[in-house]
Amino acid sequence: MSFTNLDYLQNITGGDTATIRELILLFIDQIPEFTGNMKKYLEEQKYLELGKVAHKAKSSVMIMGMDDLGHDLKLLQLGTINGTGVETYAQHVSRFENECSIAVEELQQELLKMG
């Protein structure tokens, strides 16, 4: 099973390999920061900040075709805004971390195929 789907990227870039490569590299660079901030804000119980990071991360994962995770981040974001589901926040952060680490590996393979 693949977590990423580059169809959307292919579509919006018109298949321009250089642009796709750039967007993939940007995504790979962003993931450690997103993950670190989510874990930090979760631990510090700064839930509004956690929601803001989830919102930013959502755009990035959606571009890489990770729609299910994007919807999950939207739920996390809405929960932090409404102050609901606090007990689920750690699960959302953990899912983000796990799926993105696999996605990064998939994308690194894609980069190798691109040459």
PDB file of N, CA and C in Angstrom:
ATOM      1  N   MET A   1       0.838  -1.192   0.000  1.00  0.00           N
ATOM      2  CA  MET A   1       0.000   0.000   0.000  1.00  0.00           C
ATOM      3  C   MET A   1       0.881   1.254   0.000  1.00  0.00           C
ATOM      4  N   SER A   2       0.497   2.177  -0.798  1.00  0.00           N
ATOM      5  CA  SER A   2       1.263   3.417  -0.913  1.00  0.00           C
ATOM      6  C   SER A   2       0.520   4.560  -0.220  1.00  0.00           C
ATOM      7  N   PHE A   3       1.235   5.347   0.546  1.00  0.00           N
ATOM      8  CA  PHE A   3       0.600   6.486   1.219  1.00  0.00           C
ATOM      9  C   PHE A   3       0.527   7.712   0.311  1.00  0.00           C
ATOM     10  N   THR A   4       1.462   7.826  -0.605  1.00  0.00           N
ATOM     11  CA  THR A   4       1.482   9.001  -1.472  1.00  0.00           C
ATOM     12  C   THR A   4       0.875   8.672  -2.829  1.00  0.00           C
ATOM     13  N   ASN A   5       0.362   9.711  -3.475  1.00  0.00           N
ATOM     14  CA  ASN A   5      -0.185   9.586  -4.818  1.00  0.00           C
ATOM     15  C   ASN A   5       0.154  10.887  -5.538  1.00  0.00           C
ATOM     16  N   LEU A   6       1.049  10.792  -6.493  1.00  0.00           N
ATOM     17  CA  LEU A   6       1.559  12.004  -7.133  1.00  0.00           C
ATOM     18  C   LEU A   6       0.715  12.467  -8.326  1.00  0.00           C
ATOM     19  N   ASP A   7      -0.470  11.877  -8.506  1.00  0.00           N
ATOM     20  CA  ASP A   7      -1.344  12.286  -9.617  1.00  0.00           C
ATOM     21  C   ASP A   7      -1.671  13.778  -9.553  1.00  0.00           C
ATOM     22  N   TYR A   8      -2.018  14.242  -8.353  1.00  0.00           N
ATOM     23  CA  TYR A   8      -2.368  15.659  -8.198  1.00  0.00           C
ATOM     24  C   TYR A   8      -1.181  16.546  -8.579  1.00  0.00           C
ATOM     25  N   LEU A   9       0.004  16.182  -8.096  1.00  0.00           N
ATOM     26  CA  LEU A   9       1.226  16.936  -8.426  1.00  0.00           C
ATOM     27  C   LEU A   9       1.476  16.931  -9.931  1.00  0.00           C
ATOM     28  N   GLN A  10       1.326  15.767 -10.541  1.00  0.00           N
ATOM     29  CA  GLN A  10       1.516  15.653 -11.993  1.00  0.00           C
ATOM     30  C   GLN A  10       0.553  16.600 -12.707  1.00  0.00           C
ATOM     31  N   ASN A  11      -0.667  16.618 -12.219  1.00  0.00           N
ATOM     32  CA  ASN A  11      -1.724  17.433 -12.802  1.00  0.00           C
ATOM     33  C   ASN A  11      -1.433  18.930 -12.713  1.00  0.00           C
ATOM     34  N   ILE A  12      -1.131  19.404 -11.491  1.00  0.00           N
ATOM     35  CA  ILE A  12      -0.955  20.857 -11.308  1.00  0.00           C
ATOM     36  C   ILE A  12       0.341  21.381 -11.909  1.00  0.00           C
ATOM     37  N   THR A  13       1.316  20.490 -12.111  1.00  0.00           N
ATOM     38  CA  THR A  13       2.600  20.938 -12.679  1.00  0.00           C
ATOM     39  C   THR A  13       2.678  20.650 -14.170  1.00  0.00           C
ATOM     40  N   GLY A  14       1.654  20.010 -14.707  1.00  0.00           N
ATOM     41  CA  GLY A  14       1.705  19.613 -16.107  1.00  0.00           C
ATOM     42  C   GLY A  14       2.806  18.591 -16.355  1.00  0.00           C
ATOM     43  N   GLY A  15       3.156  17.839 -15.297  1.00  0.00           N
ATOM     44  CA  GLY A  15       4.175  16.806 -15.424  1.00  0.00           C
ATOM     45  C   GLY A  15       5.604  17.331 -15.436  1.00  0.00           C
ATOM     46  N   ASP A  16       5.794  18.592 -15.033  1.00  0.00           N
ATOM     47  CA  ASP A  16       7.130  19.192 -15.013  1.00  0.00           C
ATOM     48  C   ASP A  16       7.971  18.573 -13.892  1.00  0.00           C
ATOM     49  N   THR A  17       8.909  17.733 -14.290  1.00  0.00           N
ATOM     50  CA  THR A  17       9.716  16.971 -13.331  1.00  0.00           C
ATOM     51  C   THR A  17      10.481  17.870 -12.359  1.00  0.00           C
ATOM     52  N   ALA A  18      11.026  18.965 -12.829  1.00  0.00           N
ATOM     53  CA  ALA A  18      11.807  19.859 -11.954  1.00  0.00           C
ATOM     54  C   ALA A  18      10.922  20.429 -10.844  1.00  0.00           C
ATOM     55  N   THR A  19       9.716  20.826 -11.185  1.00  0.00           N
ATOM     56  CA  THR A  19       8.788  21.387 -10.186  1.00  0.00           C
ATOM     57  C   THR A  19       8.337  20.304  -9.215  1.00  0.00           C
ATOM     58  N   ILE A  20       8.038  19.131  -9.741  1.00  0.00           N
ATOM     59  CA  ILE A  20       7.624  18.017  -8.878  1.00  0.00           C
ATOM     60  C   ILE A  20       8.735  17.687  -7.894  1.00  0.00           C
ATOM     61  N   ARG A  21       9.971  17.596  -8.395  1.00  0.00           N
ATOM     62  CA  ARG A  21      11.134  17.322  -7.547  1.00  0.00           C
ATOM     63  C   ARG A  21      11.249  18.377  -6.431  1.00  0.00           C
ATOM     64  N   GLU A  22      11.093  19.646  -6.809  1.00  0.00           N
ATOM     65  CA  GLU A  22      11.193  20.743  -5.844  1.00  0.00           C
ATOM     66  C   GLU A  22      10.122  20.625  -4.756  1.00  0.00           C
ATOM     67  N   LEU A  23       8.895  20.312  -5.149  1.00  0.00           N
ATOM     68  CA  LEU A  23       7.796  20.194  -4.187  1.00  0.00           C
ATOM     69  C   LEU A  23       7.993  18.986  -3.265  1.00  0.00           C
ATOM     70  N   ILE A  24       8.495  17.902  -3.819  1.00  0.00           N
ATOM     71  CA  ILE A  24       8.784  16.720  -2.995  1.00  0.00           C
ATOM     72  C   ILE A  24       9.873  17.042  -1.971  1.00  0.00           C
ATOM     73  N   LEU A  25      10.933  17.711  -2.411  1.00  0.00           N
ATOM     74  CA  LEU A  25      12.023  18.066  -1.495  1.00  0.00           C
ATOM     75  C   LEU A  25      11.540  19.019  -0.403  1.00  0.00           C
ATOM     76  N   LEU A  26      10.679  19.949  -0.761  1.00  0.00           N
ATOM     77  CA  LEU A  26      10.105  20.868   0.223  1.00  0.00           C
ATOM     78  C   LEU A  26       9.297  20.087   1.263  1.00  0.00           C
ATOM     79  N   PHE A  27       8.480  19.167   0.795  1.00  0.00           N
ATOM     80  CA  PHE A  27       7.676  18.334   1.690  1.00  0.00           C
ATOM     81  C   PHE A  27       8.581  17.565   2.652  1.00  0.00           C
ATOM     82  N   ILE A  28       9.601  16.905   2.107  1.00  0.00           N
ATOM     83  CA  ILE A  28      10.524  16.119   2.932  1.00  0.00           C
ATOM     84  C   ILE A  28      11.200  17.002   3.985  1.00  0.00           C
ATOM     85  N   ASP A  29      11.548  18.232   3.601  1.00  0.00           N
ATOM     86  CA  ASP A  29      12.168  19.176   4.546  1.00  0.00           C
ATOM     87  C   ASP A  29      11.210  19.610   5.649  1.00  0.00           C
ATOM     88  N   GLN A  30       9.929  19.749   5.317  1.00  0.00           N
ATOM     89  CA  GLN A  30       8.949  20.273   6.268  1.00  0.00           C
ATOM     90  C   GLN A  30       8.543  19.261   7.339  1.00  0.00           C
ATOM     91  N   ILE A  31       8.563  17.986   6.993  1.00  0.00           N
ATOM     92  CA  ILE A  31       8.007  16.965   7.885  1.00  0.00           C
ATOM     93  C   ILE A  31       8.650  16.948   9.280  1.00  0.00           C
ATOM     94  N   PRO A  32       9.979  16.989   9.409  1.00  0.00           N
ATOM     95  CA  PRO A  32      10.545  16.981  10.769  1.00  0.00           C
ATOM     96  C   PRO A  32      10.084  18.180  11.608  1.00  0.00           C
ATOM     97  N   GLU A  33       9.961  19.342  10.973  1.00  0.00           N
ATOM     98  CA  GLU A  33       9.508  20.533  11.699  1.00  0.00           C
ATOM     99  C   GLU A  33       8.050  20.380  12.137  1.00  0.00           C
ATOM    100  N   PHE A  34       7.201  19.935  11.209  1.00  0.00           N
ATOM    101  CA  PHE A  34       5.786  19.722  11.555  1.00  0.00           C
ATOM    102  C   PHE A  34       5.662  18.714  12.702  1.00  0.00           C
ATOM    103  N   THR A  35       6.365  17.601  12.583  1.00  0.00           N
ATOM    104  CA  THR A  35       6.286  16.545  13.595  1.00  0.00           C
ATOM    105  C   THR A  35       6.788  17.051  14.943  1.00  0.00           C
ATOM    106  N   GLY A  36       7.936  17.708  14.927  1.00  0.00           N
ATOM    107  CA  GLY A  36       8.512  18.228  16.168  1.00  0.00           C
ATOM    108  C   GLY A  36       7.593  19.227  16.854  1.00  0.00           C
ATOM    109  N   ASN A  37       7.025  20.141  16.074  1.00  0.00           N
ATOM    110  CA  ASN A  37       6.126  21.142  16.652  1.00  0.00           C
ATOM    111  C   ASN A  37       4.845  20.516  17.179  1.00  0.00           C
ATOM    112  N   MET A  38       4.294  19.549  16.445  1.00  0.00           N
ATOM    113  CA  MET A  38       3.068  18.894  16.921  1.00  0.00           C
ATOM    114  C   MET A  38       3.313  18.199  18.251  1.00  0.00           C
ATOM    115  N   LYS A  39       4.412  17.461  18.341  1.00  0.00           N
ATOM    116  CA  LYS A  39       4.723  16.744  19.579  1.00  0.00           C
ATOM    117  C   LYS A  39       4.958  17.713  20.729  1.00  0.00           C
ATOM    118  N   LYS A  40       5.654  18.803  20.432  1.00  0.00           N
ATOM    119  CA  LYS A  40       5.954  19.810  21.450  1.00  0.00           C
ATOM    120  C   LYS A  40       4.660  20.457  21.973  1.00  0.00           C
ATOM    121  N   TYR A  41       3.800  20.892  21.050  1.00  0.00           N
ATOM    122  CA  TYR A  41       2.558  21.559  21.465  1.00  0.00           C
ATOM    123  C   TYR A  41       1.604  20.594  22.160  1.00  0.00           C
ATOM    124  N   LEU A  42       1.609  19.342  21.748  1.00  0.00           N
ATOM    125  CA  LEU A  42       0.779  18.339  22.404  1.00  0.00           C
ATOM    126  C   LEU A  42       1.245  18.165  23.849  1.00  0.00           C
ATOM    127  N   GLU A  43       2.557  18.011  24.005  1.00  0.00           N
ATOM    128  CA  GLU A  43       3.135  17.816  25.342  1.00  0.00           C
ATOM    129  C   GLU A  43       2.877  19.031  26.237  1.00  0.00           C
ATOM    130  N   GLU A  44       2.980  20.227  25.648  1.00  0.00           N
ATOM    131  CA  GLU A  44       2.791  21.462  26.422  1.00  0.00           C
ATOM    132  C   GLU A  44       1.302  21.839  26.558  1.00  0.00           C
ATOM    133  N   GLN A  45       0.435  21.030  25.963  1.00  0.00           N
ATOM    134  CA  GLN A  45      -1.012  21.275  25.957  1.00  0.00           C
ATOM    135  C   GLN A  45      -1.358  22.627  25.349  1.00  0.00           C
ATOM    136  N   LYS A  46      -0.585  23.038  24.362  1.00  0.00           N
ATOM    137  CA  LYS A  46      -0.872  24.273  23.614  1.00  0.00           C
ATOM    138  C   LYS A  46      -1.665  23.862  22.375  1.00  0.00           C
ATOM    139  N   TYR A  47      -2.940  23.613  22.601  1.00  0.00           N
ATOM    140  CA  TYR A  47      -3.755  22.970  21.576  1.00  0.00           C
ATOM    141  C   TYR A  47      -4.073  23.871  20.384  1.00  0.00           C
ATOM    142  N   LEU A  48      -4.218  25.170  20.599  1.00  0.00           N
ATOM    143  CA  LEU A  48      -4.464  26.050  19.454  1.00  0.00           C
ATOM    144  C   LEU A  48      -3.259  26.069  18.521  1.00  0.00           C
ATOM    145  N   GLU A  49      -2.060  26.084  19.102  1.00  0.00           N
ATOM    146  CA  GLU A  49      -0.842  26.035  18.292  1.00  0.00           C
ATOM    147  C   GLU A  49      -0.740  24.694  17.559  1.00  0.00           C
ATOM    148  N   LEU A  50      -1.107  23.624  18.244  1.00  0.00           N
ATOM    149  CA  LEU A  50      -1.128  22.300  17.634  1.00  0.00           C
ATOM    150  C   LEU A  50      -2.052  22.310  16.411  1.00  0.00           C
ATOM    151  N   GLY A  51      -3.203  22.925  16.562  1.00  0.00           N
ATOM    152  CA  GLY A  51      -4.160  23.016  15.463  1.00  0.00           C
ATOM    153  C   GLY A  51      -3.629  23.813  14.287  1.00  0.00           C
ATOM    154  N   LYS A  52      -2.869  24.863  14.584  1.00  0.00           N
ATOM    155  CA  LYS A  52      -2.284  25.676  13.508  1.00  0.00           C
ATOM    156  C   LYS A  52      -1.255  24.873  12.710  1.00  0.00           C
ATOM    157  N   VAL A  53      -0.446  24.079  13.406  1.00  0.00           N
ATOM    158  CA  VAL A  53       0.531  23.233  12.721  1.00  0.00           C
ATOM    159  C   VAL A  53      -0.200  22.166  11.898  1.00  0.00           C
ATOM    160  N   ALA A  54      -1.258  21.598  12.458  1.00  0.00           N
ATOM    161  CA  ALA A  54      -2.045  20.594  11.729  1.00  0.00           C
ATOM    162  C   ALA A  54      -2.605  21.199  10.447  1.00  0.00           C
ATOM    163  N   HIS A  55      -3.042  22.440  10.528  1.00  0.00           N
ATOM    164  CA  HIS A  55      -3.594  23.129   9.353  1.00  0.00           C
ATOM    165  C   HIS A  55      -2.527  23.278   8.261  1.00  0.00           C
ATOM    166  N   LYS A  56      -1.337  23.721   8.661  1.00  0.00           N
ATOM    167  CA  LYS A  56      -0.240  23.875   7.688  1.00  0.00           C
ATOM    168  C   LYS A  56       0.163  22.522   7.094  1.00  0.00           C
ATOM    169  N   ALA A  57       0.273  21.527   7.955  1.00  0.00           N
ATOM    170  CA  ALA A  57       0.685  20.192   7.513  1.00  0.00           C
ATOM    171  C   ALA A  57      -0.358  19.592   6.574  1.00  0.00           C
ATOM    172  N   LYS A  58      -1.621  19.905   6.823  1.00  0.00           N
ATOM    173  CA  LYS A  58      -2.710  19.360   6.000  1.00  0.00           C
ATOM    174  C   LYS A  58      -2.514  19.720   4.533  1.00  0.00           C
ATOM    175  N   SER A  59      -2.181  20.965   4.261  1.00  0.00           N
ATOM    176  CA  SER A  59      -1.961  21.382   2.869  1.00  0.00           C
ATOM    177  C   SER A  59      -0.842  20.583   2.230  1.00  0.00           C
ATOM    178  N   SER A  60       0.245  20.404   2.968  1.00  0.00           N
ATOM    179  CA  SER A  60       1.398  19.665   2.442  1.00  0.00           C
ATOM    180  C   SER A  60       1.057  18.222   2.126  1.00  0.00           C
ATOM    181  N   VAL A  61       0.357  17.543   3.039  1.00  0.00           N
ATOM    182  CA  VAL A  61       0.070  16.129   2.800  1.00  0.00           C
ATOM    183  C   VAL A  61      -0.951  15.957   1.679  1.00  0.00           C
ATOM    184  N   MET A  62      -1.886  16.907   1.546  1.00  0.00           N
ATOM    185  CA  MET A  62      -2.880  16.813   0.479  1.00  0.00           C
ATOM    186  C   MET A  62      -2.208  16.925  -0.894  1.00  0.00           C
ATOM    187  N   ILE A  63      -1.211  17.797  -1.007  1.00  0.00           N
ATOM    188  CA  ILE A  63      -0.494  17.959  -2.275  1.00  0.00           C
ATOM    189  C   ILE A  63       0.188  16.652  -2.677  1.00  0.00           C
ATOM    190  N   MET A  64       0.628  15.877  -1.684  1.00  0.00           N
ATOM    191  CA  MET A  64       1.282  14.596  -1.962  1.00  0.00           C
ATOM    192  C   MET A  64       0.272  13.453  -2.108  1.00  0.00           C
ATOM    193  N   GLY A  65      -1.010  13.801  -2.187  1.00  0.00           N
ATOM    194  CA  GLY A  65      -2.042  12.795  -2.414  1.00  0.00           C
ATOM    195  C   GLY A  65      -2.406  11.980  -1.191  1.00  0.00           C
ATOM    196  N   MET A  66      -2.064  12.488  -0.008  1.00  0.00           N
ATOM    197  CA  MET A  66      -2.348  11.771   1.235  1.00  0.00           C
ATOM    198  C   MET A  66      -3.675  12.274   1.809  1.00  0.00           C
ATOM    199  N   ASP A  67      -4.748  11.986   1.079  1.00  0.00           N
ATOM    200  CA  ASP A  67      -6.047  12.554   1.405  1.00  0.00           C
ATOM    201  C   ASP A  67      -6.592  12.103   2.760  1.00  0.00           C
ATOM    202  N   ASP A  68      -6.454  10.812   3.080  1.00  0.00           N
ATOM    203  CA  ASP A  68      -6.960  10.315   4.361  1.00  0.00           C
ATOM    204  C   ASP A  68      -6.286  11.017   5.530  1.00  0.00           C
ATOM    205  N   LEU A  69      -4.979  11.163   5.444  1.00  0.00           N
ATOM    206  CA  LEU A  69      -4.244  11.855   6.508  1.00  0.00           C
ATOM    207  C   LEU A  69      -4.638  13.326   6.548  1.00  0.00           C
ATOM    208  N   GLY A  70      -4.858  13.921   5.388  1.00  0.00           N
ATOM    209  CA  GLY A  70      -5.310  15.312   5.332  1.00  0.00           C
ATOM    210  C   GLY A  70      -6.625  15.509   6.065  1.00  0.00           C
ATOM    211  N   HIS A  71      -7.558  14.579   5.850  1.00  0.00           N
ATOM    212  CA  HIS A  71      -8.849  14.660   6.546  1.00  0.00           C
ATOM    213  C   HIS A  71      -8.674  14.462   8.048  1.00  0.00           C
ATOM    214  N   ASP A  72      -7.757  13.583   8.417  1.00  0.00           N
ATOM    215  CA  ASP A  72      -7.458  13.349   9.829  1.00  0.00           C
ATOM    216  C   ASP A  72      -6.903  14.627  10.480  1.00  0.00           C
ATOM    217  N   LEU A  73      -6.022  15.316   9.766  1.00  0.00           N
ATOM    218  CA  LEU A  73      -5.464  16.567  10.290  1.00  0.00           C
ATOM    219  C   LEU A  73      -6.546  17.633  10.410  1.00  0.00           C
ATOM    220  N   LYS A  74      -7.503  17.623   9.495  1.00  0.00           N
ATOM    221  CA  LYS A  74      -8.627  18.567   9.566  1.00  0.00           C
ATOM    222  C   LYS A  74      -9.443  18.306  10.835  1.00  0.00           C
ATOM    223  N   LEU A  75      -9.667  17.039  11.150  1.00  0.00           N
ATOM    224  CA  LEU A  75     -10.381  16.696  12.390  1.00  0.00           C
ATOM    225  C   LEU A  75      -9.615  17.191  13.611  1.00  0.00           C
ATOM    226  N   LEU A  76      -8.300  16.993  13.591  1.00  0.00           N
ATOM    227  CA  LEU A  76      -7.458  17.473  14.691  1.00  0.00           C
ATOM    228  C   LEU A  76      -7.567  18.987  14.812  1.00  0.00           C
ATOM    229  N   GLN A  77      -7.463  19.673  13.680  1.00  0.00           N
ATOM    230  CA  GLN A  77      -7.536  21.129  13.681  1.00  0.00           C
ATOM    231  C   GLN A  77      -8.877  21.609  14.246  1.00  0.00           C
ATOM    232  N   LEU A  78      -9.968  21.027  13.771  1.00  0.00           N
ATOM    233  CA  LEU A  78     -11.295  21.425  14.256  1.00  0.00           C
ATOM    234  C   LEU A  78     -11.453  21.131  15.741  1.00  0.00           C
ATOM    235  N   GLY A  79     -10.923  19.983  16.178  1.00  0.00           N
ATOM    236  CA  GLY A  79     -10.978  19.642  17.597  1.00  0.00           C
ATOM    237  C   GLY A  79     -10.266  20.666  18.456  1.00  0.00           C
ATOM    238  N   THR A  80      -9.091  21.123  17.995  1.00  0.00           N
ATOM    239  CA  THR A  80      -8.337  22.103  18.793  1.00  0.00           C
ATOM    240  C   THR A  80      -9.056  23.448  18.833  1.00  0.00           C
ATOM    241  N   ILE A  81      -9.722  23.798  17.746  1.00  0.00           N
ATOM    242  CA  ILE A  81     -10.467  25.066  17.711  1.00  0.00           C
ATOM    243  C   ILE A  81     -11.664  24.998  18.657  1.00  0.00           C
ATOM    244  N   ASN A  82     -12.358  23.849  18.638  1.00  0.00           N
ATOM    245  CA  ASN A  82     -13.573  23.696  19.452  1.00  0.00           C
ATOM    246  C   ASN A  82     -13.299  23.179  20.853  1.00  0.00           C
ATOM    247  N   GLY A  83     -12.047  22.795  21.124  1.00  0.00           N
ATOM    248  CA  GLY A  83     -11.694  22.264  22.439  1.00  0.00           C
ATOM    249  C   GLY A  83     -12.315  20.898  22.695  1.00  0.00           C
ATOM    250  N   THR A  84     -12.507  20.113  21.624  1.00  0.00           N
ATOM    251  CA  THR A  84     -13.137  18.801  21.777  1.00  0.00           C
ATOM    252  C   THR A  84     -12.166  17.693  21.383  1.00  0.00           C
ATOM    253  N   GLY A  85     -12.417  16.497  21.896  1.00  0.00           N
ATOM    254  CA  GLY A  85     -11.644  15.320  21.512  1.00  0.00           C
ATOM    255  C   GLY A  85     -10.196  15.342  21.942  1.00  0.00           C
ATOM    256  N   VAL A  86      -9.902  16.062  23.019  1.00  0.00           N
ATOM    257  CA  VAL A  86      -8.507  16.206  23.478  1.00  0.00           C
ATOM    258  C   VAL A  86      -7.831  14.843  23.625  1.00  0.00           C
ATOM    259  N   GLU A  87      -8.614  13.841  24.042  1.00  0.00           N
ATOM    260  CA  GLU A  87      -8.046  12.503  24.253  1.00  0.00           C
ATOM    261  C   GLU A  87      -7.582  11.846  22.947  1.00  0.00           C
ATOM    262  N   THR A  88      -8.011  12.371  21.806  1.00  0.00           N
ATOM    263  CA  THR A  88      -7.614  11.790  20.511  1.00  0.00           C
ATOM    264  C   THR A  88      -6.408  12.498  19.886  1.00  0.00           C
ATOM    265  N   TYR A  89      -5.998  13.625  20.423  1.00  0.00           N
ATOM    266  CA  TYR A  89      -4.936  14.417  19.788  1.00  0.00           C
ATOM    267  C   TYR A  89      -3.650  13.626  19.611  1.00  0.00           C
ATOM    268  N   ALA A  90      -3.271  12.871  20.643  1.00  0.00           N
ATOM    269  CA  ALA A  90      -2.021  12.103  20.571  1.00  0.00           C
ATOM    270  C   ALA A  90      -2.085  11.071  19.444  1.00  0.00           C
ATOM    271  N   GLN A  91      -3.258  10.459  19.233  1.00  0.00           N
ATOM    272  CA  GLN A  91      -3.416   9.480  18.149  1.00  0.00           C
ATOM    273  C   GLN A  91      -3.230  10.155  16.789  1.00  0.00           C
ATOM    274  N   HIS A  92      -3.801  11.349  16.643  1.00  0.00           N
ATOM    275  CA  HIS A  92      -3.654  12.086  15.385  1.00  0.00           C
ATOM    276  C   HIS A  92      -2.179  12.403  15.109  1.00  0.00           C
ATOM    277  N   VAL A  93      -1.484  12.868  16.128  1.00  0.00           N
ATOM    278  CA  VAL A  93      -0.068  13.230  15.975  1.00  0.00           C
ATOM    279  C   VAL A  93       0.758  11.986  15.642  1.00  0.00           C
ATOM    280  N   SER A  94       0.463  10.891  16.317  1.00  0.00           N
ATOM    281  CA  SER A  94       1.181   9.642  16.075  1.00  0.00           C
ATOM    282  C   SER A  94       0.933   9.141  14.648  1.00  0.00           C
ATOM    283  N   ARG A  95      -0.315   9.223  14.193  1.00  0.00           N
ATOM    284  CA  ARG A  95      -0.628   8.805  12.822  1.00  0.00           C
ATOM    285  C   ARG A  95       0.133   9.671  11.820  1.00  0.00           C
ATOM    286  N   PHE A  96       0.152  10.978  12.078  1.00  0.00           N
ATOM    287  CA  PHE A  96       0.880  11.884  11.190  1.00  0.00           C
ATOM    288  C   PHE A  96       2.345  11.482  11.103  1.00  0.00           C
ATOM    289  N   GLU A  97       2.951  11.265  12.257  1.00  0.00           N
ATOM    290  CA  GLU A  97       4.378  10.919  12.308  1.00  0.00           C
ATOM    291  C   GLU A  97       4.651   9.607  11.560  1.00  0.00           C
ATOM    292  N   ASN A  98       3.841   8.597  11.819  1.00  0.00           N
ATOM    293  CA  ASN A  98       4.052   7.280  11.210  1.00  0.00           C
ATOM    294  C   ASN A  98       3.852   7.310   9.699  1.00  0.00           C
ATOM    295  N   GLU A  99       2.733   7.876   9.252  1.00  0.00           N
ATOM    296  CA  GLU A  99       2.441   7.879   7.825  1.00  0.00           C
ATOM    297  C   GLU A  99       3.417   8.753   7.053  1.00  0.00           C
ATOM    298  N   CYS A 100       3.826   9.863   7.650  1.00  0.00           N
ATOM    299  CA  CYS A 100       4.765  10.747   6.954  1.00  0.00           C
ATOM    300  C   CYS A 100       6.153  10.136   6.864  1.00  0.00           C
ATOM    301  N   SER A 101       6.551   9.354   7.852  1.00  0.00           N
ATOM    302  CA  SER A 101       7.879   8.733   7.753  1.00  0.00           C
ATOM    303  C   SER A 101       7.885   7.721   6.603  1.00  0.00           C
ATOM    304  N   ILE A 102       6.792   6.998   6.419  1.00  0.00           N
ATOM    305  CA  ILE A 102       6.689   6.069   5.292  1.00  0.00           C
ATOM    306  C   ILE A 102       6.600   6.857   3.981  1.00  0.00           C
ATOM    307  N   ALA A 103       5.813   7.935   3.983  1.00  0.00           N
ATOM    308  CA  ALA A 103       5.662   8.764   2.782  1.00  0.00           C
ATOM    309  C   ALA A 103       7.002   9.339   2.337  1.00  0.00           C
ATOM    310  N   VAL A 104       7.812   9.770   3.280  1.00  0.00           N
ATOM    311  CA  VAL A 104       9.134  10.321   2.946  1.00  0.00           C
ATOM    312  C   VAL A 104       9.979   9.259   2.247  1.00  0.00           C
ATOM    313  N   GLU A 105       9.923   8.027   2.744  1.00  0.00           N
ATOM    314  CA  GLU A 105      10.668   6.938   2.090  1.00  0.00           C
ATOM    315  C   GLU A 105      10.162   6.722   0.663  1.00  0.00           C
ATOM    316  N   GLU A 106       8.827   6.712   0.498  1.00  0.00           N
ATOM    317  CA  GLU A 106       8.242   6.541  -0.838  1.00  0.00           C
ATOM    318  C   GLU A 106       8.705   7.657  -1.769  1.00  0.00           C
ATOM    319  N   LEU A 107       8.688   8.881  -1.271  1.00  0.00           N
ATOM    320  CA  LEU A 107       9.042  10.036  -2.100  1.00  0.00           C
ATOM    321  C   LEU A 107      10.527  10.032  -2.435  1.00  0.00           C
ATOM    322  N   GLN A 108      11.358   9.566  -1.510  1.00  0.00           N
ATOM    323  CA  GLN A 108      12.787   9.468  -1.811  1.00  0.00           C
ATOM    324  C   GLN A 108      13.010   8.455  -2.940  1.00  0.00           C
ATOM    325  N   GLN A 109      12.222   7.394  -2.957  1.00  0.00           N
ATOM    326  CA  GLN A 109      12.299   6.424  -4.055  1.00  0.00           C
ATOM    327  C   GLN A 109      11.877   7.061  -5.369  1.00  0.00           C
ATOM    328  N   GLU A 110      10.816   7.891  -5.316  1.00  0.00           N
ATOM    329  CA  GLU A 110      10.350   8.607  -6.516  1.00  0.00           C
ATOM    330  C   GLU A 110      11.445   9.519  -7.051  1.00  0.00           C
ATOM    331  N   LEU A 111      12.124  10.214  -6.142  1.00  0.00           N
ATOM    332  CA  LEU A 111      13.214  11.109  -6.554  1.00  0.00           C
ATOM    333  C   LEU A 111      14.314  10.322  -7.264  1.00  0.00           C
ATOM    334  N   LEU A 112      14.623   9.146  -6.744  1.00  0.00           N
ATOM    335  CA  LEU A 112      15.656   8.315  -7.376  1.00  0.00           C
ATOM    336  C   LEU A 112      15.232   7.900  -8.784  1.00  0.00           C
ATOM    337  N   LYS A 113      13.959   7.566  -8.947  1.00  0.00           N
ATOM    338  CA  LYS A 113      13.442   7.176 -10.267  1.00  0.00           C
ATOM    339  C   LYS A 113      13.520   8.345 -11.261  1.00  0.00           C
ATOM    340  N   MET A 114      13.335   9.563 -10.745  1.00  0.00           N
ATOM    341  CA  MET A 114      13.370  10.749 -11.598  1.00  0.00           C
ATOM    342  C   MET A 114      14.780  11.025 -12.118  1.00  0.00           C
ATOM    343  N   GLY A 115      15.756  10.557 -11.330  1.00  0.00           N
ATOM    344  CA  GLY A 115      17.150  10.737 -11.767  1.00  0.00           C
ATOM    345  C   GLY A 115      17.758  12.049 -11.370  1.00  0.00           C
TER     346      GLY A 115
END
